[in-house]
Amino acid sequence: MITIYHLDTSRSERIVWLMEELGLDYKLELFQRNANGSAPDTMKQIHALGKAPVIRDGDTVLAESGAIVDYIVHRHAGDRLTVAPAAAEYARYIYWFHFAEGSLMSLLILALVLGRVPEADASPVRTRVLERMKQTLSFIDSELAQATYFAGAAFTAADIMMTFPFTTMRHFLNYELAPYANILAYLQRIESRPAYQKAMALAGSKD
């Protein structure tokens, strides 16, 4: 059985959600952040970097949410929630699966860091980053005008990767989604899913 080491208000909620969508058994171990927001030192006993998400599957300890999602759907779920390479939707699936961390979260983290540096308030760098955020969100919104989910008509693991930046990440970086009607409609579809509701009850942010 897979053990999920879950840090509150973190990307590891993706893994709990994935397991609920797949109907796979798992063990959940919960960790609370320190007062300064960092992960507790006890997580370093599981993985050297001491960050979430981390899973244990037998003798295998694996970090990184994208790697974990890919590992679980292929090794334990018979490729459910994926798109076959020969399928027309494969390019969209693989693009959005990696866009979540490669493009979107890296941009949001940069905006978060700059927002915590008082000297950066008037910096042209911060202005460019915020403008890039608007462009990126507008792009995502336009893409969701064409499809129910990120890979097309069907819910996939790409959606599990892409949802976090619009939900829990906004506890750290407070940005506005009101101008993006298609993203908001998408989130309503996600939040109506029973597996998502159960996962958030178990592992979602409590504030």
Protein backbone atom coordinates (compact mmCIF):
# COMPACT_ATOMS: atom_id res chain seq x y z
CA MET A 1 0.00 0.00 0.00
CA ILE A 2 1.22 3.48 -0.86
CA THR A 3 1.88 5.85 2.02
CA ILE A 4 1.37 9.56 1.32
CA TYR A 5 3.28 11.96 3.54
CA HIS A 6 1.07 15.03 3.38
CA LEU A 7 2.10 18.51 4.47
CA ASP A 8 -0.86 20.79 5.11
CA THR A 9 -1.57 23.41 2.43
CA SER A 10 0.81 21.89 -0.07
CA ARG A 11 1.04 20.18 -3.44
CA SER A 12 0.74 16.79 -1.73
CA GLU A 13 -3.05 17.26 -1.78
CA ARG A 14 -2.73 16.36 -5.48
CA ILE A 15 -1.68 12.85 -4.55
CA VAL A 16 -4.54 12.31 -2.11
CA TRP A 17 -6.96 13.53 -4.77
CA LEU A 18 -5.42 11.23 -7.38
CA MET A 19 -5.77 8.20 -5.13
CA GLU A 20 -9.41 9.06 -4.45
CA GLU A 21 -10.14 9.46 -8.16
CA LEU A 22 -8.54 6.09 -8.85
CA GLY A 23 -10.19 4.36 -5.89
CA LEU A 24 -6.83 3.02 -4.68
CA ASP A 25 -6.08 2.21 -1.05
CA TYR A 26 -3.47 4.35 0.65
CA LYS A 27 -2.19 5.37 4.06
CA LEU A 28 -2.12 9.07 4.88
CA GLU A 29 0.41 10.55 7.30
CA LEU A 30 -0.18 14.22 8.11
CA PHE A 31 2.42 16.88 8.89
CA GLN A 32 1.78 20.45 10.00
CA ARG A 33 3.86 23.43 8.96
CA ASN A 34 6.06 25.25 11.45
CA ALA A 35 5.02 28.71 12.61
CA ASN A 36 7.19 30.24 9.88
CA GLY A 37 5.45 28.18 7.20
CA SER A 38 8.28 25.70 6.62
CA ALA A 39 7.95 21.93 6.70
CA PRO A 40 8.86 20.23 10.00
CA ASP A 41 12.31 18.68 10.29
CA THR A 42 10.70 15.26 10.75
CA MET A 43 10.01 15.18 7.02
CA LYS A 44 13.76 14.99 6.40
CA GLN A 45 13.63 11.52 7.94
CA ILE A 46 11.52 10.48 4.95
CA HIS A 47 13.30 12.35 2.15
CA ALA A 48 16.55 14.30 2.34
CA LEU A 49 14.98 17.54 1.08
CA GLY A 50 12.28 17.40 3.77
CA LYS A 51 9.49 18.67 1.52
CA ALA A 52 6.11 17.38 0.35
CA PRO A 53 4.82 15.56 -1.53
CA VAL A 54 6.57 12.30 -0.81
CA ILE A 55 5.24 8.76 -1.09
CA ARG A 56 6.54 5.39 -0.01
CA ASP A 57 5.69 2.34 -2.10
CA GLY A 58 7.45 -0.66 -0.63
CA ASP A 59 11.15 0.17 -0.75
CA THR A 60 10.60 3.09 -3.13
CA VAL A 61 10.50 6.65 -1.77
CA LEU A 62 9.51 9.19 -4.41
CA ALA A 63 9.16 12.99 -4.28
CA GLU A 64 7.87 15.61 -6.77
CA SER A 65 4.14 15.72 -7.41
CA GLY A 66 4.39 15.31 -11.19
CA ALA A 67 6.69 12.31 -10.86
CA ILE A 68 4.42 10.78 -8.22
CA VAL A 69 1.27 11.24 -10.30
CA ASP A 70 2.99 9.72 -13.35
CA TYR A 71 4.32 6.83 -11.26
CA ILE A 72 0.95 5.98 -9.72
CA VAL A 73 -1.15 6.13 -12.89
CA HIS A 74 1.27 3.92 -14.80
CA ARG A 75 2.42 1.50 -12.12
CA HIS A 76 -0.75 1.12 -10.06
CA ALA A 77 -3.70 2.28 -12.16
CA GLY A 78 -3.30 0.60 -15.54
CA ASP A 79 -2.81 4.00 -17.22
CA ARG A 80 -6.19 5.29 -16.07
CA LEU A 81 -6.52 9.10 -16.17
CA THR A 82 -3.85 9.27 -18.86
CA VAL A 83 -4.08 9.68 -22.64
CA ALA A 84 -2.50 7.12 -24.94
CA PRO A 85 0.36 8.45 -27.09
CA ALA A 86 -1.52 7.52 -30.26
CA ALA A 87 -4.62 9.48 -29.25
CA ALA A 88 -5.39 12.88 -30.77
CA GLU A 89 -5.53 14.46 -27.29
CA TYR A 90 -2.10 13.21 -26.22
CA ALA A 91 -0.28 16.43 -27.05
CA ARG A 92 -2.74 18.48 -24.99
CA TYR A 93 -2.50 16.02 -22.12
CA ILE A 94 1.27 15.99 -21.91
CA TYR A 95 1.50 19.75 -22.46
CA TRP A 96 -0.81 20.69 -19.58
CA PHE A 97 0.56 17.98 -17.32
CA HIS A 98 3.97 19.65 -17.50
CA PHE A 99 2.74 23.24 -17.91
CA ALA A 100 1.42 23.13 -14.33
CA GLU A 101 4.87 23.13 -12.75
CA GLY A 102 7.13 24.03 -15.66
CA SER A 103 5.38 27.28 -16.64
CA LEU A 104 2.55 28.20 -14.30
CA MET A 105 3.84 27.38 -10.81
CA SER A 106 7.32 28.68 -11.58
CA LEU A 107 5.77 32.01 -12.58
CA LEU A 108 3.54 32.15 -9.50
CA ILE A 109 6.45 31.32 -7.19
CA LEU A 110 8.49 34.12 -8.77
CA ALA A 111 5.60 36.56 -8.21
CA LEU A 112 5.30 35.33 -4.63
CA VAL A 113 8.99 35.87 -3.88
CA LEU A 114 9.04 39.33 -5.46
CA GLY A 115 5.91 40.26 -3.53
CA ARG A 116 7.73 39.55 -0.27
CA VAL A 117 10.67 41.82 -1.08
CA PRO A 118 9.73 45.44 -0.25
CA GLU A 119 12.45 46.78 -2.54
CA ALA A 120 10.83 44.99 -5.49
CA ASP A 121 7.52 46.86 -5.28
CA ALA A 122 8.55 49.48 -7.82
CA SER A 123 10.85 47.21 -9.78
CA PRO A 124 10.26 46.82 -13.53
CA VAL A 125 11.00 43.13 -13.02
CA ARG A 126 7.95 42.73 -10.77
CA THR A 127 5.84 44.70 -13.25
CA ARG A 128 6.89 42.35 -16.04
CA VAL A 129 6.19 39.27 -13.91
CA LEU A 130 2.70 40.49 -13.03
CA GLU A 131 2.01 41.25 -16.68
CA ARG A 132 3.24 37.79 -17.61
CA MET A 133 0.83 36.34 -15.04
CA LYS A 134 -2.08 38.13 -16.70
CA GLN A 135 -1.01 36.91 -20.13
CA THR A 136 -0.64 33.36 -18.87
CA LEU A 137 -4.00 33.31 -17.12
CA SER A 138 -5.68 34.80 -20.21
CA PHE A 139 -4.09 32.06 -22.31
CA ILE A 140 -5.32 29.33 -19.95
CA ASP A 141 -8.78 30.89 -19.88
CA SER A 142 -8.97 30.91 -23.68
CA GLU A 143 -7.89 27.27 -23.82
CA LEU A 144 -10.61 26.27 -21.34
CA ALA A 145 -13.17 27.97 -23.56
CA GLN A 146 -12.51 25.18 -26.05
CA ALA A 147 -12.57 22.13 -23.78
CA THR A 148 -14.28 20.82 -20.65
CA TYR A 149 -10.97 19.65 -19.17
CA PHE A 150 -7.37 20.41 -20.02
CA ALA A 151 -6.84 17.38 -22.25
CA GLY A 152 -10.26 17.64 -23.85
CA ALA A 153 -13.64 16.17 -22.97
CA ALA A 154 -12.32 13.72 -20.35
CA PHE A 155 -10.89 14.38 -16.90
CA THR A 156 -7.25 13.29 -16.68
CA ALA A 157 -4.19 13.53 -14.48
CA ALA A 158 -3.39 16.80 -16.23
CA ASP A 159 -6.33 18.31 -14.35
CA ILE A 160 -4.96 17.05 -11.07
CA MET A 161 -1.71 18.83 -11.85
CA MET A 162 -3.32 22.05 -13.11
CA THR A 163 -5.88 22.70 -10.35
CA PHE A 164 -3.53 23.47 -7.44
CA PRO A 165 -2.28 26.83 -8.84
CA PHE A 166 -5.88 28.10 -8.93
CA THR A 167 -6.88 26.88 -5.49
CA THR A 168 -4.46 26.22 -2.63
CA MET A 169 -1.64 28.27 -4.16
CA ARG A 170 -3.79 31.36 -3.72
CA HIS A 171 -3.40 31.00 0.06
CA PHE A 172 0.20 32.06 -0.54
CA LEU A 173 -0.20 34.38 -3.54
CA ASN A 174 -3.49 36.25 -3.47
CA TYR A 175 -4.34 36.93 -7.10
CA GLU A 176 -7.72 37.58 -8.71
CA LEU A 177 -9.52 35.04 -10.88
CA ALA A 178 -12.68 37.10 -11.48
CA PRO A 179 -11.59 38.22 -14.99
CA TYR A 180 -11.25 34.60 -16.09
CA ALA A 181 -14.74 33.18 -16.45
CA ASN A 182 -13.64 29.91 -18.06
CA ILE A 183 -11.17 29.14 -15.29
CA LEU A 184 -13.89 29.80 -12.70
CA ALA A 185 -16.34 27.54 -14.54
CA TYR A 186 -13.66 24.87 -14.74
CA LEU A 187 -13.07 25.08 -10.99
CA GLN A 188 -16.79 24.61 -10.38
CA ARG A 189 -16.64 21.38 -12.39
CA ILE A 190 -13.61 20.23 -10.43
CA GLU A 191 -15.10 21.11 -7.04
CA SER A 192 -18.26 19.12 -7.85
CA ARG A 193 -16.30 15.89 -8.21
CA PRO A 194 -16.86 13.56 -5.22
CA ALA A 195 -13.22 12.45 -5.17
CA TYR A 196 -12.03 16.05 -5.03
CA GLN A 197 -14.44 16.84 -2.21
CA LYS A 198 -13.27 13.85 -0.19
CA ALA A 199 -9.60 14.60 -0.81
CA MET A 200 -10.00 18.22 0.26
CA ALA A 201 -11.86 17.12 3.40
CA LEU A 202 -8.89 14.90 4.25
CA ALA A 203 -5.97 16.96 2.99
CA GLY A 204 -7.15 20.36 1.82
CA SER A 205 -6.35 23.70 3.42
CA LYS A 206 -8.42 24.24 6.56
CA ASP A 207 -8.37 28.07 6.46
